[in-house]
Protein backbone atom coordinates (compact mmCIF):
# COMPACT_ATOMS: atom_id res chain seq x y z
CA MET A 1 -67.87 -137.65 216.97
CA VAL A 2 -64.38 -139.06 217.41
CA ASN A 3 -64.11 -142.62 218.68
CA PRO A 4 -61.57 -142.51 221.55
CA PRO A 5 -59.05 -145.33 221.79
CA CYS A 6 -60.22 -148.46 223.53
CA THR A 7 -58.93 -149.14 227.01
CA PHE A 8 -58.50 -152.12 229.28
CA ALA A 9 -61.06 -153.20 231.86
CA ASN A 10 -60.35 -151.45 235.15
CA ASN A 11 -62.67 -153.24 237.55
CA GLN A 12 -64.04 -156.74 238.00
CA SER A 13 -66.40 -158.83 240.04
CA SER A 14 -66.69 -162.58 240.44
CA ASN A 15 -69.30 -165.02 241.64
CA ILE A 16 -69.65 -168.71 242.44
CA SER A 17 -73.26 -169.89 242.22
CA GLY A 18 -75.00 -173.07 243.23
CA LEU A 19 -73.47 -176.40 244.21
CA CYS A 20 -70.08 -175.84 242.63
CA ILE A 21 -67.41 -178.24 243.89
CA GLY A 22 -63.83 -177.04 243.51
CA CYS A 23 -64.95 -173.79 241.93
CA SER A 24 -62.90 -170.62 242.22
CA VAL A 25 -61.83 -167.43 240.49
CA SER A 26 -58.17 -166.84 241.28
CA ASN A 27 -55.76 -164.03 240.42
CA ARG A 28 -58.74 -161.75 239.78
CA PRO A 29 -56.73 -158.48 239.64
CA ARG A 30 -54.59 -159.89 236.82
CA ALA A 31 -57.59 -159.74 234.48
CA ILE A 32 -57.66 -155.95 234.81
CA ASP A 33 -53.98 -154.98 235.19
CA ALA A 34 -53.58 -153.86 231.52
CA ASP A 35 -50.82 -156.46 231.06
CA THR A 36 -51.60 -158.81 228.17
CA THR A 37 -49.23 -161.45 229.60
CA THR A 38 -51.18 -161.98 232.85
CA SER A 39 -54.58 -163.52 233.48
CA SER A 40 -57.09 -164.65 236.04
CA ARG A 41 -58.19 -168.27 236.29
CA ILE A 42 -61.74 -169.60 236.53
CA SER A 43 -61.89 -173.19 237.78
CA VAL A 44 -64.96 -175.44 237.82
CA ILE A 45 -64.30 -179.03 238.83
CA ALA A 46 -67.95 -180.04 239.22
CA GLY A 47 -70.78 -177.59 238.64
CA LEU A 48 -73.88 -179.51 239.69
CA LEU A 49 -77.44 -178.58 238.71
CA GLY A 50 -76.44 -175.53 236.70
CA ALA A 51 -73.83 -174.25 239.16
CA TYR A 52 -71.10 -172.01 237.77
CA ALA A 53 -68.17 -169.68 238.39
CA GLU A 54 -68.02 -166.35 236.60
CA GLN A 55 -65.94 -163.19 236.33
CA THR A 56 -67.32 -159.93 234.98
CA LEU A 57 -64.90 -157.36 233.55
CA ILE A 58 -65.96 -153.72 233.80
CA PHE A 59 -64.62 -151.08 231.40
CA PRO A 60 -64.19 -147.38 232.24
CA GLN A 61 -66.42 -146.25 229.38
CA ALA A 62 -69.15 -147.70 227.20
CA GLY A 63 -68.14 -149.04 223.82
CA PHE A 64 -69.30 -147.88 220.41
CA ALA A 65 -70.98 -149.87 217.64
CA GLY A 66 -68.27 -151.84 215.88
CA ASP A 67 -65.89 -151.98 218.87
CA THR A 68 -64.49 -155.41 219.67
CA VAL A 69 -63.51 -157.09 222.91
CA ARG A 70 -60.86 -159.77 222.70
CA PHE A 71 -59.93 -162.31 225.31
CA VAL A 72 -58.33 -165.74 225.39
CA VAL A 73 -60.05 -168.78 226.87
CA GLN A 74 -57.96 -171.86 227.51
CA SER A 75 -59.25 -175.18 228.70
CA PRO A 76 -57.25 -178.33 229.35
CA VAL A 77 -58.31 -181.02 226.93
CA GLY A 78 -60.28 -183.68 228.69
CA LEU A 79 -63.61 -185.47 228.53
CA ALA A 80 -65.20 -183.35 231.25
CA ASP A 81 -64.01 -180.11 229.63
CA VAL A 82 -65.66 -180.65 226.25
CA ASN A 83 -69.11 -179.68 227.55
CA VAL A 84 -67.77 -176.59 229.33
CA LEU A 85 -66.65 -174.93 226.10
CA GLY A 86 -70.18 -175.17 224.73
CA ARG A 87 -71.43 -172.83 227.48
CA ILE A 88 -69.04 -169.96 226.71
């Protein structure tokens, strides 16, 4: 079996759950536009009692064992942001 070349995600969904103050997922289509210089943005100012914002990327075909998915996560450095990175 030949492993076809990997492709970009071509669909997405997003969700804000719970008491999430200032939470949003913006520029959602940019996460799936096959342009490595664009991106979406997930913002969580105050996620109370386990609240969160999420974005799910959907690929056109299932992956194979050994495939990798790469993405960049950036977070502004700040006291409140330190705990957020531990949940990724």
